[in-house]
N, C-alpha and C. Protein backbone atom coordinates (compact mmCIF):
# COMPACT_ATOMS: atom_id res chain seq x y z
N MET A 1 149.17 130.26 34.45
CA MET A 1 150.52 129.78 34.56
C MET A 1 150.73 129.10 35.90
N THR A 2 151.46 128.05 35.86
CA THR A 2 151.72 127.34 37.10
C THR A 2 152.93 127.95 37.82
N VAL A 3 153.05 127.61 39.07
CA VAL A 3 154.17 128.12 39.87
C VAL A 3 155.50 127.60 39.33
N THR A 4 155.51 126.36 38.83
CA THR A 4 156.74 125.79 38.28
C THR A 4 157.23 126.58 37.07
N THR A 5 156.31 126.98 36.21
CA THR A 5 156.67 127.77 35.04
C THR A 5 157.21 129.13 35.44
N LEU A 6 156.58 129.74 36.40
CA LEU A 6 157.04 131.05 36.86
C LEU A 6 158.43 130.95 37.50
N LEU A 7 158.66 129.90 38.27
CA LEU A 7 159.98 129.71 38.88
C LEU A 7 161.04 129.46 37.82
N LEU A 8 160.70 128.71 36.78
CA LEU A 8 161.64 128.44 35.70
C LEU A 8 162.00 129.73 34.97
N VAL A 9 161.01 130.56 34.70
CA VAL A 9 161.25 131.84 34.02
C VAL A 9 162.08 132.75 34.91
N LEU A 10 161.78 132.79 36.19
CA LEU A 10 162.56 133.61 37.12
C LEU A 10 164.01 133.14 37.21
N MET A 11 164.20 131.83 37.26
CA MET A 11 165.55 131.30 37.31
C MET A 11 166.32 131.61 36.03
N LEU A 12 165.67 131.45 34.88
CA LEU A 12 166.33 131.75 33.61
C LEU A 12 166.69 133.22 33.51
N GLY A 13 165.79 134.09 33.94
CA GLY A 13 166.08 135.52 33.92
C GLY A 13 167.22 135.88 34.85
N THR A 14 167.26 135.27 36.02
CA THR A 14 168.33 135.55 36.98
C THR A 14 169.68 135.07 36.45
N VAL A 15 169.71 133.88 35.88
CA VAL A 15 170.95 133.35 35.32
C VAL A 15 171.41 134.23 34.15
N THR A 16 170.48 134.67 33.32
CA THR A 16 170.83 135.53 32.20
C THR A 16 171.45 136.84 32.68
N LEU A 17 170.86 137.45 33.69
CA LEU A 17 171.40 138.69 34.22
C LEU A 17 172.77 138.49 34.86
N LEU A 18 172.94 137.39 35.60
CA LEU A 18 174.23 137.12 36.22
C LEU A 18 175.33 136.87 35.19
N VAL A 19 175.02 136.11 34.17
CA VAL A 19 176.01 135.85 33.12
C VAL A 19 176.32 137.14 32.37
N GLY A 20 175.30 137.94 32.09
CA GLY A 20 175.53 139.22 31.42
C GLY A 20 176.41 140.14 32.24
N ALA A 21 176.18 140.20 33.53
CA ALA A 21 177.01 141.04 34.40
C ALA A 21 178.44 140.51 34.46
N GLY A 22 178.60 139.21 34.50
CA GLY A 22 179.94 138.62 34.50
C GLY A 22 180.70 138.89 33.22
N VAL A 23 180.00 138.78 32.09
CA VAL A 23 180.63 139.07 30.80
C VAL A 23 181.02 140.54 30.72
N LEU A 24 180.15 141.41 31.19
CA LEU A 24 180.47 142.83 31.17
C LEU A 24 181.69 143.14 32.03
N ALA A 25 181.77 142.55 33.21
CA ALA A 25 182.93 142.77 34.08
C ALA A 25 184.20 142.23 33.42
N LEU A 26 184.11 141.09 32.76
CA LEU A 26 185.28 140.52 32.09
C LEU A 26 185.72 141.40 30.92
N LEU A 27 184.77 141.93 30.18
CA LEU A 27 185.13 142.78 29.04
C LEU A 27 185.73 144.10 29.49
N ILE A 28 185.34 144.58 30.65
CA ILE A 28 185.94 145.81 31.16
C ILE A 28 187.40 145.55 31.54
N GLN A 29 187.68 144.37 32.09
CA GLN A 29 189.05 144.04 32.49
C GLN A 29 189.93 143.64 31.30
N ARG A 30 189.36 142.93 30.34
CA ARG A 30 190.14 142.44 29.19
C ARG A 30 189.46 142.86 27.88
N PRO A 31 189.70 144.08 27.42
CA PRO A 31 189.03 144.55 26.18
C PRO A 31 189.40 143.74 24.94
N ALA A 32 190.53 143.04 24.95
CA ALA A 32 190.92 142.26 23.77
C ALA A 32 190.00 141.06 23.54
N TRP A 33 189.26 140.66 24.54
CA TRP A 33 188.37 139.51 24.41
C TRP A 33 186.98 139.90 23.91
N CYS A 34 186.81 141.12 23.46
CA CYS A 34 185.48 141.60 23.06
C CYS A 34 184.86 140.79 21.93
N ALA A 35 185.67 140.41 20.94
CA ALA A 35 185.11 139.73 19.77
C ALA A 35 184.45 138.40 20.14
N PRO A 36 185.11 137.48 20.84
CA PRO A 36 184.43 136.22 21.13
C PRO A 36 183.27 136.37 22.11
N PHE A 37 183.41 137.27 23.07
CA PHE A 37 182.35 137.40 24.06
C PHE A 37 181.15 138.19 23.54
N ALA A 38 181.35 139.01 22.53
CA ALA A 38 180.21 139.73 21.96
C ALA A 38 179.23 138.75 21.33
N GLY A 39 179.75 137.73 20.66
CA GLY A 39 178.88 136.72 20.07
C GLY A 39 178.14 135.91 21.14
N ALA A 40 178.85 135.57 22.20
CA ALA A 40 178.22 134.81 23.29
C ALA A 40 177.13 135.64 23.97
N LEU A 41 177.41 136.91 24.18
CA LEU A 41 176.42 137.79 24.81
C LEU A 41 175.19 137.97 23.92
N ALA A 42 175.42 138.10 22.62
CA ALA A 42 174.30 138.23 21.68
C ALA A 42 173.44 136.96 21.68
N ALA A 43 174.07 135.80 21.73
CA ALA A 43 173.31 134.55 21.77
C ALA A 43 172.51 134.43 23.05
N MET A 44 173.08 134.86 24.16
CA MET A 44 172.38 134.80 25.44
C MET A 44 171.16 135.74 25.43
N MET A 45 171.33 136.93 24.90
CA MET A 45 170.21 137.86 24.84
C MET A 45 169.12 137.35 23.90
N LEU A 46 169.52 136.68 22.82
CA LEU A 46 168.53 136.09 21.91
C LEU A 46 167.72 135.02 22.63
N MET A 47 168.39 134.19 23.43
CA MET A 47 167.67 133.17 24.19
C MET A 47 166.71 133.80 25.19
N ALA A 48 167.13 134.87 25.83
CA ALA A 48 166.26 135.55 26.79
C ALA A 48 165.05 136.16 26.09
N THR A 49 165.26 136.71 24.91
CA THR A 49 164.15 137.30 24.14
C THR A 49 163.16 136.23 23.71
N ILE A 50 163.67 135.11 23.23
CA ILE A 50 162.79 134.02 22.80
C ILE A 50 162.00 133.47 23.98
N THR A 51 162.64 133.35 25.13
CA THR A 51 161.94 132.87 26.33
C THR A 51 160.85 133.85 26.73
N GLY A 52 161.15 135.14 26.67
CA GLY A 52 160.13 136.14 26.99
C GLY A 52 158.96 136.09 26.03
N LEU A 53 159.24 135.89 24.76
CA LEU A 53 158.16 135.77 23.78
C LEU A 53 157.31 134.53 24.04
N LEU A 54 157.97 133.41 24.35
CA LEU A 54 157.22 132.19 24.64
C LEU A 54 156.32 132.35 25.86
N VAL A 55 156.84 133.03 26.87
CA VAL A 55 156.04 133.26 28.07
C VAL A 55 154.86 134.17 27.74
N ALA A 56 155.10 135.20 26.96
CA ALA A 56 154.02 136.12 26.59
C ALA A 56 152.94 135.41 25.76
N ILE A 57 153.36 134.54 24.86
CA ILE A 57 152.40 133.84 24.01
C ILE A 57 151.59 132.84 24.82
N THR A 58 152.26 132.08 25.67
CA THR A 58 151.54 131.04 26.43
C THR A 58 150.71 131.64 27.56
N HIS A 59 151.00 132.87 27.95
CA HIS A 59 150.24 133.50 29.02
C HIS A 59 148.82 133.86 28.57
N ASN A 60 148.65 134.16 27.31
CA ASN A 60 147.31 134.55 26.80
C ASN A 60 146.44 133.38 26.58
């Protein structure tokens, strides 16, 4: 793996964690917004999972 790929994966993971923490903080403050943000959070986690799988596959 090249350094560029590792930096891209690290950046994507960091952004995913930051967005997840922001969504969690927002849902704690405004529980009525749970329905729309639950879908967004699920989509974000799906993207993170797919990225992790791609990294695992290309690493071998």
